[in-house]
Amino acid sequence: MASFKGFYINLKKDKERDFVLRQELDRRGRLSKYEKFTAVEGNTEEASKRSLKAGEDGIWKSWIKLLGMIENDSNKNYVYVHIIEDDAIVSDQLYSLIDQLSDEEPMMDMLMTDMY
């Protein structure tokens, strides 16, 4: 199995979402692979300038901040990163894919698994 680290984005005030996601990750035996990333609060004024809602502004800023943190991680001991938001529902097939990855030669630079 390849070395990977997961991050989940969660607003500090959304304790229920944090709890539910942690329970789900624990049920799947994956909690130890994930780290909480505290989301950036959106700014209504800045968001409206971009025709966004405050939450959309916040999640966008959160992703950018998290990706920058990962890029600058000098203690990086993983090859793959999995980022989810706190309301994600992750299928068993994704973890099956993760378990098949190899550290030797990454199969991809980026894989998006978002679905609405």
PDB file of N, CA and C in Angstrom:
ATOM      1  N   MET A   1       0.845  -1.179   0.000  1.00  0.00           N
ATOM      2  CA  MET A   1       0.000   0.000   0.000  1.00  0.00           C
ATOM      3  C   MET A   1       0.888   1.239   0.000  1.00  0.00           C
ATOM      4  N   ALA A   2       0.496   2.215  -0.764  1.00  0.00           N
ATOM      5  CA  ALA A   2       1.252   3.459  -0.873  1.00  0.00           C
ATOM      6  C   ALA A   2       1.063   4.316   0.373  1.00  0.00           C
ATOM      7  N   SER A   3       2.038   5.170   0.590  1.00  0.00           N
ATOM      8  CA  SER A   3       1.911   6.089   1.716  1.00  0.00           C
ATOM      9  C   SER A   3       1.037   7.270   1.293  1.00  0.00           C
ATOM     10  N   PHE A   4      -0.006   7.500   2.069  1.00  0.00           N
ATOM     11  CA  PHE A   4      -0.873   8.633   1.787  1.00  0.00           C
ATOM     12  C   PHE A   4      -1.301   9.282   3.092  1.00  0.00           C
ATOM     13  N   LYS A   5      -1.654  10.532   2.970  1.00  0.00           N
ATOM     14  CA  LYS A   5      -2.153  11.282   4.115  1.00  0.00           C
ATOM     15  C   LYS A   5      -3.455  11.925   3.688  1.00  0.00           C
ATOM     16  N   GLY A   6      -4.417  11.862   4.561  1.00  0.00           N
ATOM     17  CA  GLY A   6      -5.698  12.487   4.302  1.00  0.00           C
ATOM     18  C   GLY A   6      -5.892  13.724   5.154  1.00  0.00           C
ATOM     19  N   PHE A   7      -6.585  14.669   4.606  1.00  0.00           N
ATOM     20  CA  PHE A   7      -6.980  15.871   5.330  1.00  0.00           C
ATOM     21  C   PHE A   7      -8.474  16.050   5.146  1.00  0.00           C
ATOM     22  N   TYR A   8      -9.136  16.488   6.198  1.00  0.00           N
ATOM     23  CA  TYR A   8     -10.535  16.870   6.033  1.00  0.00           C
ATOM     24  C   TYR A   8     -10.700  18.301   6.504  1.00  0.00           C
ATOM     25  N   ILE A   9     -11.463  19.066   5.719  1.00  0.00           N
ATOM     26  CA  ILE A   9     -11.666  20.486   5.976  1.00  0.00           C
ATOM     27  C   ILE A   9     -12.930  20.647   6.800  1.00  0.00           C
ATOM     28  N   ASN A  10     -12.783  21.358   7.929  1.00  0.00           N
ATOM     29  CA  ASN A  10     -13.901  21.496   8.857  1.00  0.00           C
ATOM     30  C   ASN A  10     -13.816  22.838   9.572  1.00  0.00           C
ATOM     31  N   LEU A  11     -14.931  23.569   9.567  1.00  0.00           N
ATOM     32  CA  LEU A  11     -14.999  24.806  10.349  1.00  0.00           C
ATOM     33  C   LEU A  11     -14.974  24.476  11.830  1.00  0.00           C
ATOM     34  N   LYS A  12     -14.275  25.264  12.602  1.00  0.00           N
ATOM     35  CA  LYS A  12     -14.142  25.036  14.044  1.00  0.00           C
ATOM     36  C   LYS A  12     -15.512  24.913  14.716  1.00  0.00           C
ATOM     37  N   LYS A  13     -16.495  25.691  14.251  1.00  0.00           N
ATOM     38  CA  LYS A  13     -17.822  25.694  14.872  1.00  0.00           C
ATOM     39  C   LYS A  13     -18.670  24.474  14.494  1.00  0.00           C
ATOM     40  N   ASP A  14     -18.287  23.743  13.450  1.00  0.00           N
ATOM     41  CA  ASP A  14     -19.073  22.593  12.980  1.00  0.00           C
ATOM     42  C   ASP A  14     -18.634  21.311  13.669  1.00  0.00           C
ATOM     43  N   LYS A  15     -18.828  21.263  14.970  1.00  0.00           N
ATOM     44  CA  LYS A  15     -18.398  20.122  15.778  1.00  0.00           C
ATOM     45  C   LYS A  15     -19.153  18.835  15.429  1.00  0.00           C
ATOM     46  N   GLU A  16     -20.428  18.958  15.079  1.00  0.00           N
ATOM     47  CA  GLU A  16     -21.222  17.773  14.733  1.00  0.00           C
ATOM     48  C   GLU A  16     -20.691  17.125  13.453  1.00  0.00           C
ATOM     49  N   ARG A  17     -20.387  17.924  12.438  1.00  0.00           N
ATOM     50  CA  ARG A  17     -19.825  17.376  11.196  1.00  0.00           C
ATOM     51  C   ARG A  17     -18.484  16.701  11.451  1.00  0.00           C
ATOM     52  N   ASP A  18     -17.668  17.341  12.285  1.00  0.00           N
ATOM     53  CA  ASP A  18     -16.374  16.775  12.653  1.00  0.00           C
ATOM     54  C   ASP A  18     -16.573  15.411  13.312  1.00  0.00           C
ATOM     55  N   PHE A  19     -17.486  15.348  14.260  1.00  0.00           N
ATOM     56  CA  PHE A  19     -17.747  14.108  14.997  1.00  0.00           C
ATOM     57  C   PHE A  19     -18.228  12.993  14.068  1.00  0.00           C
ATOM     58  N   VAL A  20     -19.184  13.301  13.203  1.00  0.00           N
ATOM     59  CA  VAL A  20     -19.753  12.295  12.299  1.00  0.00           C
ATOM     60  C   VAL A  20     -18.694  11.775  11.323  1.00  0.00           C
ATOM     61  N   LEU A  21     -17.909  12.679  10.755  1.00  0.00           N
ATOM     62  CA  LEU A  21     -16.879  12.247   9.801  1.00  0.00           C
ATOM     63  C   LEU A  21     -15.814  11.407  10.500  1.00  0.00           C
ATOM     64  N   ARG A  22     -15.389  11.825  11.688  1.00  0.00           N
ATOM     65  CA  ARG A  22     -14.385  11.050  12.427  1.00  0.00           C
ATOM     66  C   ARG A  22     -14.913   9.647  12.752  1.00  0.00           C
ATOM     67  N   GLN A  23     -16.181   9.554  13.107  1.00  0.00           N
ATOM     68  CA  GLN A  23     -16.777   8.237  13.373  1.00  0.00           C
ATOM     69  C   GLN A  23     -16.733   7.362  12.121  1.00  0.00           C
ATOM     70  N   GLU A  24     -17.074   7.952  10.984  1.00  0.00           N
ATOM     71  CA  GLU A  24     -17.081   7.190   9.726  1.00  0.00           C
ATOM     72  C   GLU A  24     -15.671   6.742   9.343  1.00  0.00           C
ATOM     73  N   LEU A  25     -14.700   7.636   9.463  1.00  0.00           N
ATOM     74  CA  LEU A  25     -13.321   7.264   9.155  1.00  0.00           C
ATOM     75  C   LEU A  25     -12.828   6.179  10.113  1.00  0.00           C
ATOM     76  N   ASP A  26     -13.205   6.272  11.374  1.00  0.00           N
ATOM     77  CA  ASP A  26     -12.814   5.269  12.362  1.00  0.00           C
ATOM     78  C   ASP A  26     -13.463   3.922  12.040  1.00  0.00           C
ATOM     79  N   ARG A  27     -14.724   3.946  11.660  1.00  0.00           N
ATOM     80  CA  ARG A  27     -15.439   2.713  11.308  1.00  0.00           C
ATOM     81  C   ARG A  27     -14.742   1.992  10.154  1.00  0.00           C
ATOM     82  N   ARG A  28     -14.164   2.752   9.257  1.00  0.00           N
ATOM     83  CA  ARG A  28     -13.461   2.179   8.105  1.00  0.00           C
ATOM     84  C   ARG A  28     -11.992   1.876   8.402  1.00  0.00           C
ATOM     85  N   GLY A  29     -11.554   2.170   9.622  1.00  0.00           N
ATOM     86  CA  GLY A  29     -10.162   1.928   9.989  1.00  0.00           C
ATOM     87  C   GLY A  29      -9.195   2.899   9.350  1.00  0.00           C
ATOM     88  N   ARG A  30      -9.654   4.104   9.032  1.00  0.00           N
ATOM     89  CA  ARG A  30      -8.821   5.080   8.321  1.00  0.00           C
ATOM     90  C   ARG A  30      -8.566   6.358   9.112  1.00  0.00           C
ATOM     91  N   LEU A  31      -9.121   6.477  10.296  1.00  0.00           N
ATOM     92  CA  LEU A  31      -9.022   7.725  11.052  1.00  0.00           C
ATOM     93  C   LEU A  31      -7.576   8.147  11.285  1.00  0.00           C
ATOM     94  N   SER A  32      -6.699   7.214  11.537  1.00  0.00           N
ATOM     95  CA  SER A  32      -5.302   7.562  11.831  1.00  0.00           C
ATOM     96  C   SER A  32      -4.584   8.163  10.626  1.00  0.00           C
ATOM     97  N   LYS A  33      -5.128   8.002   9.448  1.00  0.00           N
ATOM     98  CA  LYS A  33      -4.517   8.533   8.226  1.00  0.00           C
ATOM     99  C   LYS A  33      -4.959   9.963   7.910  1.00  0.00           C
ATOM    100  N   TYR A  34      -5.946  10.469   8.657  1.00  0.00           N
ATOM    101  CA  TYR A  34      -6.523  11.782   8.360  1.00  0.00           C
ATOM    102  C   TYR A  34      -6.232  12.787   9.459  1.00  0.00           C
ATOM    103  N   GLU A  35      -6.066  14.018   9.022  1.00  0.00           N
ATOM    104  CA  GLU A  35      -5.821  15.131   9.930  1.00  0.00           C
ATOM    105  C   GLU A  35      -6.853  16.218   9.633  1.00  0.00           C
ATOM    106  N   LYS A  36      -7.367  16.793  10.679  1.00  0.00           N
ATOM    107  CA  LYS A  36      -8.317  17.904  10.510  1.00  0.00           C
ATOM    108  C   LYS A  36      -7.563  19.147  10.075  1.00  0.00           C
ATOM    109  N   PHE A  37      -8.126  19.828   9.083  1.00  0.00           N
ATOM    110  CA  PHE A  37      -7.635  21.133   8.669  1.00  0.00           C
ATOM    111  C   PHE A  37      -8.752  22.124   8.969  1.00  0.00           C
ATOM    112  N   THR A  38      -8.478  23.072   9.855  1.00  0.00           N
ATOM    113  CA  THR A  38      -9.506  24.029  10.238  1.00  0.00           C
ATOM    114  C   THR A  38      -9.769  24.989   9.090  1.00  0.00           C
ATOM    115  N   ALA A  39     -11.019  25.009   8.651  1.00  0.00           N
ATOM    116  CA  ALA A  39     -11.426  25.812   7.497  1.00  0.00           C
ATOM    117  C   ALA A  39     -11.334  27.305   7.800  1.00  0.00           C
ATOM    118  N   VAL A  40     -11.167  28.068   6.740  1.00  0.00           N
ATOM    119  CA  VAL A  40     -11.162  29.520   6.801  1.00  0.00           C
ATOM    120  C   VAL A  40     -12.620  29.993   6.729  1.00  0.00           C
ATOM    121  N   GLU A  41     -12.989  30.895   7.620  1.00  0.00           N
ATOM    122  CA  GLU A  41     -14.335  31.477   7.571  1.00  0.00           C
ATOM    123  C   GLU A  41     -14.442  32.360   6.340  1.00  0.00           C
ATOM    124  N   GLY A  42     -15.534  32.234   5.615  1.00  0.00           N
ATOM    125  CA  GLY A  42     -15.757  33.074   4.450  1.00  0.00           C
ATOM    126  C   GLY A  42     -16.097  34.495   4.843  1.00  0.00           C
ATOM    127  N   ASN A  43     -15.798  35.415   3.960  1.00  0.00           N
ATOM    128  CA  ASN A  43     -16.072  36.826   4.180  1.00  0.00           C
ATOM    129  C   ASN A  43     -17.173  37.257   3.220  1.00  0.00           C
ATOM    130  N   THR A  44     -18.302  37.684   3.776  1.00  0.00           N
ATOM    131  CA  THR A  44     -19.469  38.033   2.958  1.00  0.00           C
ATOM    132  C   THR A  44     -19.147  39.137   1.958  1.00  0.00           C
ATOM    133  N   GLU A  45     -18.438  40.164   2.409  1.00  0.00           N
ATOM    134  CA  GLU A  45     -18.128  41.293   1.534  1.00  0.00           C
ATOM    135  C   GLU A  45     -17.205  40.876   0.387  1.00  0.00           C
ATOM    136  N   GLU A  46     -16.139  40.150   0.715  1.00  0.00           N
ATOM    137  CA  GLU A  46     -15.218  39.681  -0.325  1.00  0.00           C
ATOM    138  C   GLU A  46     -15.919  38.714  -1.272  1.00  0.00           C
ATOM    139  N   ALA A  47     -16.746  37.844  -0.720  1.00  0.00           N
ATOM    140  CA  ALA A  47     -17.453  36.859  -1.537  1.00  0.00           C
ATOM    141  C   ALA A  47     -18.382  37.533  -2.534  1.00  0.00           C
ATOM    142  N   SER A  48     -19.111  38.554  -2.094  1.00  0.00           N
ATOM    143  CA  SER A  48     -20.073  39.214  -2.988  1.00  0.00           C
ATOM    144  C   SER A  48     -19.382  39.894  -4.164  1.00  0.00           C
ATOM    145  N   LYS A  49     -18.138  40.323  -3.980  1.00  0.00           N
ATOM    146  CA  LYS A  49     -17.384  40.926  -5.083  1.00  0.00           C
ATOM    147  C   LYS A  49     -17.104  39.906  -6.182  1.00  0.00           C
ATOM    148  N   ARG A  50     -17.115  38.633  -5.810  1.00  0.00           N
ATOM    149  CA  ARG A  50     -16.848  37.555  -6.772  1.00  0.00           C
ATOM    150  C   ARG A  50     -18.106  36.758  -7.092  1.00  0.00           C
ATOM    151  N   SER A  51     -19.252  37.298  -6.721  1.00  0.00           N
ATOM    152  CA  SER A  51     -20.549  36.630  -6.919  1.00  0.00           C
ATOM    153  C   SER A  51     -20.590  35.268  -6.239  1.00  0.00           C
ATOM    154  N   LEU A  52     -20.000  35.200  -5.051  1.00  0.00           N
ATOM    155  CA  LEU A  52     -19.986  33.975  -4.267  1.00  0.00           C
ATOM    156  C   LEU A  52     -20.744  34.187  -2.964  1.00  0.00           C
ATOM    157  N   LYS A  53     -21.087  33.094  -2.320  1.00  0.00           N
ATOM    158  CA  LYS A  53     -21.615  33.136  -0.960  1.00  0.00           C
ATOM    159  C   LYS A  53     -20.420  33.082  -0.017  1.00  0.00           C
ATOM    160  N   ALA A  54     -20.615  33.498   1.220  1.00  0.00           N
ATOM    161  CA  ALA A  54     -19.522  33.500   2.196  1.00  0.00           C
ATOM    162  C   ALA A  54     -18.923  32.101   2.363  1.00  0.00           C
ATOM    163  N   GLY A  55     -19.760  31.064   2.387  1.00  0.00           N
ATOM    164  CA  GLY A  55     -19.266  29.693   2.526  1.00  0.00           C
ATOM    165  C   GLY A  55     -18.403  29.265   1.351  1.00  0.00           C
ATOM    166  N   GLU A  56     -18.789  29.696   0.149  1.00  0.00           N
ATOM    167  CA  GLU A  56     -17.991  29.368  -1.043  1.00  0.00           C
ATOM    168  C   GLU A  56     -16.635  30.072  -0.994  1.00  0.00           C
ATOM    169  N   ASP A  57     -16.630  31.305  -0.529  1.00  0.00           N
ATOM    170  CA  ASP A  57     -15.384  32.053  -0.358  1.00  0.00           C
ATOM    171  C   ASP A  57     -14.487  31.343   0.657  1.00  0.00           C
ATOM    172  N   GLY A  58     -15.072  30.899   1.750  1.00  0.00           N
ATOM    173  CA  GLY A  58     -14.311  30.239   2.798  1.00  0.00           C
ATOM    174  C   GLY A  58     -13.705  28.917   2.353  1.00  0.00           C
ATOM    175  N   ILE A  59     -14.493  28.097   1.657  1.00  0.00           N
ATOM    176  CA  ILE A  59     -13.963  26.792   1.246  1.00  0.00           C
ATOM    177  C   ILE A  59     -12.884  26.967   0.183  1.00  0.00           C
ATOM    178  N   TRP A  60     -13.052  27.945  -0.694  1.00  0.00           N
ATOM    179  CA  TRP A  60     -12.034  28.220  -1.709  1.00  0.00           C
ATOM    180  C   TRP A  60     -10.718  28.619  -1.036  1.00  0.00           C
ATOM    181  N   LYS A  61     -10.804  29.532  -0.069  1.00  0.00           N
ATOM    182  CA  LYS A  61      -9.609  29.965   0.661  1.00  0.00           C
ATOM    183  C   LYS A  61      -9.013  28.807   1.462  1.00  0.00           C
ATOM    184  N   SER A  62      -9.864  27.953   1.994  1.00  0.00           N
ATOM    185  CA  SER A  62      -9.382  26.801   2.765  1.00  0.00           C
ATOM    186  C   SER A  62      -8.577  25.859   1.884  1.00  0.00           C
ATOM    187  N   TRP A  63      -9.093  25.541   0.703  1.00  0.00           N
ATOM    188  CA  TRP A  63      -8.377  24.656  -0.218  1.00  0.00           C
ATOM    189  C   TRP A  63      -7.018  25.242  -0.594  1.00  0.00           C
ATOM    190  N   ILE A  64      -6.988  26.534  -0.914  1.00  0.00           N
ATOM    191  CA  ILE A  64      -5.733  27.176  -1.311  1.00  0.00           C
ATOM    192  C   ILE A  64      -4.727  27.141  -0.159  1.00  0.00           C
ATOM    193  N   LYS A  65      -5.191  27.448   1.039  1.00  0.00           N
ATOM    194  CA  LYS A  65      -4.303  27.443   2.207  1.00  0.00           C
ATOM    195  C   LYS A  65      -3.783  26.031   2.493  1.00  0.00           C
ATOM    196  N   LEU A  66      -4.670  25.039   2.420  1.00  0.00           N
ATOM    197  CA  LEU A  66      -4.265  23.653   2.675  1.00  0.00           C
ATOM    198  C   LEU A  66      -3.273  23.156   1.630  1.00  0.00           C
ATOM    199  N   LEU A  67      -3.538  23.427   0.360  1.00  0.00           N
ATOM    200  CA  LEU A  67      -2.609  22.994  -0.690  1.00  0.00           C
ATOM    201  C   LEU A  67      -1.240  23.649  -0.524  1.00  0.00           C
ATOM    202  N   GLY A  68      -1.214  24.918  -0.123  1.00  0.00           N
ATOM    203  CA  GLY A  68       0.057  25.593   0.135  1.00  0.00           C
ATOM    204  C   GLY A  68       0.796  24.954   1.295  1.00  0.00           C
ATOM    205  N   MET A  69       0.052  24.591   2.338  1.00  0.00           N
ATOM    206  CA  MET A  69       0.657  23.932   3.494  1.00  0.00           C
ATOM    207  C   MET A  69       1.270  22.593   3.097  1.00  0.00           C
ATOM    208  N   ILE A  70       0.558  21.836   2.293  1.00  0.00           N
ATOM    209  CA  ILE A  70       1.056  20.532   1.837  1.00  0.00           C
ATOM    210  C   ILE A  70       2.310  20.714   0.981  1.00  0.00           C
ATOM    211  N   GLU A  71       2.265  21.681   0.077  1.00  0.00           N
ATOM    212  CA  GLU A  71       3.406  21.933  -0.802  1.00  0.00           C
ATOM    213  C   GLU A  71       4.661  22.303  -0.003  1.00  0.00           C
ATOM    214  N   ASN A  72       4.493  23.011   1.076  1.00  0.00           N
ATOM    215  CA  ASN A  72       5.628  23.482   1.870  1.00  0.00           C
ATOM    216  C   ASN A  72       5.958  22.587   3.059  1.00  0.00           C
ATOM    217  N   ASP A  73       5.343  21.421   3.125  1.00  0.00           N
ATOM    218  CA  ASP A  73       5.578  20.501   4.244  1.00  0.00           C
ATOM    219  C   ASP A  73       6.966  19.883   4.126  1.00  0.00           C
ATOM    220  N   SER A  74       7.876  20.309   4.973  1.00  0.00           N
ATOM    221  CA  SER A  74       9.250  19.796   4.908  1.00  0.00           C
ATOM    222  C   SER A  74       9.374  18.402   5.526  1.00  0.00           C
ATOM    223  N   ASN A  75       8.358  17.965   6.266  1.00  0.00           N
ATOM    224  CA  ASN A  75       8.373  16.634   6.887  1.00  0.00           C
ATOM    225  C   ASN A  75       7.481  15.650   6.132  1.00  0.00           C
ATOM    226  N   LYS A  76       7.238  15.928   4.880  1.00  0.00           N
ATOM    227  CA  LYS A  76       6.318  15.111   4.091  1.00  0.00           C
ATOM    228  C   LYS A  76       6.816  13.673   3.995  1.00  0.00           C
ATOM    229  N   ASN A  77       6.038  12.733   4.531  1.00  0.00           N
ATOM    230  CA  ASN A  77       6.400  11.313   4.473  1.00  0.00           C
ATOM    231  C   ASN A  77       5.308  10.516   3.764  1.00  0.00           C
ATOM    232  N   TYR A  78       4.700  11.140   2.777  1.00  0.00           N
ATOM    233  CA  TYR A  78       3.634  10.513   2.012  1.00  0.00           C
ATOM    234  C   TYR A  78       3.777  10.905   0.547  1.00  0.00           C
ATOM    235  N   VAL A  79       3.253  10.051  -0.309  1.00  0.00           N
ATOM    236  CA  VAL A  79       3.314  10.287  -1.749  1.00  0.00           C
ATOM    237  C   VAL A  79       1.983  10.854  -2.246  1.00  0.00           C
ATOM    238  N   TYR A  80       0.898  10.363  -1.689  1.00  0.00           N
ATOM    239  CA  TYR A  80      -0.438  10.761  -2.119  1.00  0.00           C
ATOM    240  C   TYR A  80      -1.158  11.523  -1.016  1.00  0.00           C
ATOM    241  N   VAL A  81      -2.023  12.435  -1.437  1.00  0.00           N
ATOM    242  CA  VAL A  81      -2.836  13.214  -0.515  1.00  0.00           C
ATOM    243  C   VAL A  81      -4.298  13.043  -0.905  1.00  0.00           C
ATOM    244  N   HIS A  82      -5.136  12.838   0.095  1.00  0.00           N
ATOM    245  CA  HIS A  82      -6.577  12.762  -0.121  1.00  0.00           C
ATOM    246  C   HIS A  82      -7.212  13.867   0.713  1.00  0.00           C
ATOM    247  N   ILE A  83      -7.915  14.783   0.048  1.00  0.00           N
ATOM    248  CA  ILE A  83      -8.550  15.902   0.735  1.00  0.00           C
ATOM    249  C   ILE A  83     -10.057  15.770   0.576  1.00  0.00           C
ATOM    250  N   ILE A  84     -10.755  15.853   1.705  1.00  0.00           N
ATOM    251  CA  ILE A  84     -12.214  15.813   1.684  1.00  0.00           C
ATOM    252  C   ILE A  84     -12.760  16.935   2.556  1.00  0.00           C
ATOM    253  N   GLU A  85     -13.994  17.282   2.301  1.00  0.00           N
ATOM    254  CA  GLU A  85     -14.691  18.228   3.157  1.00  0.00           C
ATOM    255  C   GLU A  85     -15.463  17.429   4.195  1.00  0.00           C
ATOM    256  N   ASP A  86     -15.880  18.093   5.237  1.00  0.00           N
ATOM    257  CA  ASP A  86     -16.467  17.389   6.380  1.00  0.00           C
ATOM    258  C   ASP A  86     -17.837  16.768   6.126  1.00  0.00           C
ATOM    259  N   ASP A  87     -18.417  17.030   4.975  1.00  0.00           N
ATOM    260  CA  ASP A  87     -19.698  16.406   4.643  1.00  0.00           C
ATOM    261  C   ASP A  87     -19.555  15.336   3.560  1.00  0.00           C
ATOM    262  N   ALA A  88     -18.326  14.913   3.313  1.00  0.00           N
ATOM    263  CA  ALA A  88     -18.062  13.924   2.266  1.00  0.00           C
ATOM    264  C   ALA A  88     -18.590  12.547   2.656  1.00  0.00           C
ATOM    265  N   ILE A  89     -19.052  11.844   1.658  1.00  0.00           N
ATOM    266  CA  ILE A  89     -19.419  10.432   1.811  1.00  0.00           C
ATOM    267  C   ILE A  89     -18.458   9.683   0.897  1.00  0.00           C
ATOM    268  N   VAL A  90     -17.587   8.902   1.489  1.00  0.00           N
ATOM    269  CA  VAL A  90     -16.536   8.232   0.731  1.00  0.00           C
ATOM    270  C   VAL A  90     -16.917   6.768   0.527  1.00  0.00           C
ATOM    271  N   SER A  91     -16.818   6.332  -0.710  1.00  0.00           N
ATOM    272  CA  SER A  91     -17.193   4.955  -1.035  1.00  0.00           C
ATOM    273  C   SER A  91     -16.065   3.976  -0.713  1.00  0.00           C
ATOM    274  N   ASP A  92     -16.436   2.738  -0.537  1.00  0.00           N
ATOM    275  CA  ASP A  92     -15.443   1.684  -0.319  1.00  0.00           C
ATOM    276  C   ASP A  92     -14.495   1.565  -1.511  1.00  0.00           C
ATOM    277  N   GLN A  93     -14.988   1.863  -2.711  1.00  0.00           N
ATOM    278  CA  GLN A  93     -14.166   1.751  -3.912  1.00  0.00           C
ATOM    279  C   GLN A  93     -12.977   2.704  -3.875  1.00  0.00           C
ATOM    280  N   LEU A  94     -13.139   3.878  -3.257  1.00  0.00           N
ATOM    281  CA  LEU A  94     -12.022   4.808  -3.183  1.00  0.00           C
ATOM    282  C   LEU A  94     -10.908   4.217  -2.329  1.00  0.00           C
ATOM    283  N   TYR A  95     -11.254   3.654  -1.186  1.00  0.00           N
ATOM    284  CA  TYR A  95     -10.216   3.070  -0.338  1.00  0.00           C
ATOM    285  C   TYR A  95      -9.594   1.841  -0.989  1.00  0.00           C
ATOM    286  N   SER A  96     -10.352   1.145  -1.786  1.00  0.00           N
ATOM    287  CA  SER A  96      -9.802   0.029  -2.552  1.00  0.00           C
ATOM    288  C   SER A  96      -8.759   0.554  -3.537  1.00  0.00           C
ATOM    289  N   LEU A  97      -9.059   1.669  -4.198  1.00  0.00           N
ATOM    290  CA  LEU A  97      -8.110   2.290  -5.125  1.00  0.00           C
ATOM    291  C   LEU A  97      -6.863   2.747  -4.377  1.00  0.00           C
ATOM    292  N   ILE A  98      -7.047   3.416  -3.241  1.00  0.00           N
ATOM    293  CA  ILE A  98      -5.906   3.887  -2.457  1.00  0.00           C
ATOM    294  C   ILE A  98      -5.010   2.719  -2.054  1.00  0.00           C
ATOM    295  N   ASP A  99      -5.617   1.612  -1.674  1.00  0.00           N
ATOM    296  CA  ASP A  99      -4.847   0.442  -1.250  1.00  0.00           C
ATOM    297  C   ASP A  99      -4.037  -0.167  -2.397  1.00  0.00           C
ATOM    298  N   GLN A 100      -4.424   0.112  -3.639  1.00  0.00           N
ATOM    299  CA  GLN A 100      -3.711  -0.438  -4.794  1.00  0.00           C
ATOM    300  C   GLN A 100      -2.596   0.477  -5.301  1.00  0.00           C
ATOM    301  N   LEU A 101      -2.516   1.702  -4.787  1.00  0.00           N
ATOM    302  CA  LEU A 101      -1.495   2.633  -5.247  1.00  0.00           C
ATOM    303  C   LEU A 101      -0.112   2.177  -4.790  1.00  0.00           C
ATOM    304  N   SER A 102       0.882   2.549  -5.556  1.00  0.00           N
ATOM    305  CA  SER A 102       2.263   2.191  -5.244  1.00  0.00           C
ATOM    306  C   SER A 102       3.096   3.463  -5.121  1.00  0.00           C
ATOM    307  N   ASP A 103       4.041   3.458  -4.202  1.00  0.00           N
ATOM    308  CA  ASP A 103       4.936   4.603  -4.040  1.00  0.00           C
ATOM    309  C   ASP A 103       5.971   4.676  -5.162  1.00  0.00           C
ATOM    310  N   GLU A 104       6.188   3.574  -5.841  1.00  0.00           N
ATOM    311  CA  GLU A 104       7.267   3.502  -6.823  1.00  0.00           C
ATOM    312  C   GLU A 104       7.097   4.481  -7.984  1.00  0.00           C
ATOM    313  N   GLU A 105       5.953   4.480  -8.596  1.00  0.00           N
ATOM    314  CA  GLU A 105       5.720   5.355  -9.736  1.00  0.00           C
ATOM    315  C   GLU A 105       4.270   5.822  -9.690  1.00  0.00           C
ATOM    316  N   PRO A 106       4.048   7.040  -9.183  1.00  0.00           N
ATOM    317  CA  PRO A 106       2.666   7.519  -9.084  1.00  0.00           C
ATOM    318  C   PRO A 106       1.938   7.423 -10.411  1.00  0.00           C
ATOM    319  N   MET A 107       0.681   6.975 -10.337  1.00  0.00           N
ATOM    320  CA  MET A 107      -0.137   6.770 -11.532  1.00  0.00           C
ATOM    321  C   MET A 107      -0.729   8.069 -12.050  1.00  0.00           C
ATOM    322  N   MET A 108      -0.749   9.108 -11.211  1.00  0.00           N
ATOM    323  CA  MET A 108      -1.413  10.342 -11.609  1.00  0.00           C
ATOM    324  C   MET A 108      -0.848  11.501 -10.806  1.00  0.00           C
ATOM    325  N   ASP A 109      -1.018  12.712 -11.344  1.00  0.00           N
ATOM    326  CA  ASP A 109      -0.667  13.910 -10.593  1.00  0.00           C
ATOM    327  C   ASP A 109      -1.847  14.361  -9.751  1.00  0.00           C
ATOM    328  N   MET A 110      -3.043  14.209 -10.309  1.00  0.00           N
ATOM    329  CA  MET A 110      -4.230  14.629  -9.580  1.00  0.00           C
ATOM    330  C   MET A 110      -5.416  13.769 -10.009  1.00  0.00           C
ATOM    331  N   LEU A 111      -6.192  13.366  -9.040  1.00  0.00           N
ATOM    332  CA  LEU A 111      -7.396  12.609  -9.308  1.00  0.00           C
ATOM    333  C   LEU A 111      -8.514  13.241  -8.505  1.00  0.00           C
ATOM    334  N   MET A 112      -9.536  13.700  -9.176  1.00  0.00           N
ATOM    335  CA  MET A 112     -10.683  14.308  -8.502  1.00  0.00           C
ATOM    336  C   MET A 112     -11.782  13.263  -8.399  1.00  0.00           C
ATOM    337  N   THR A 113     -12.372  13.155  -7.227  1.00  0.00           N
ATOM    338  CA  THR A 113     -13.429  12.168  -7.034  1.00  0.00           C
ATOM    339  C   THR A 113     -14.705  12.838  -6.527  1.00  0.00           C
ATOM    340  N   ASP A 114     -14.917  14.070  -6.907  1.00  0.00           N
ATOM    341  CA  ASP A 114     -16.079  14.829  -6.453  1.00  0.00           C
ATOM    342  C   ASP A 114     -17.306  14.440  -7.262  1.00  0.00           C
ATOM    343  N   MET A 115     -18.432  14.406  -6.603  1.00  0.00           N
ATOM    344  CA  MET A 115     -19.680  14.025  -7.279  1.00  0.00           C
ATOM    345  C   MET A 115     -20.832  14.721  -6.599  1.00  0.00           C
ATOM    346  N   TYR A 116     -21.796  15.176  -7.368  1.00  0.00           N
ATOM    347  CA  TYR A 116     -22.965  15.842  -6.788  1.00  0.00           C
ATOM    348  C   TYR A 116     -24.192  14.994  -7.021  1.00  0.00           C
TER     349      TYR A 116
END
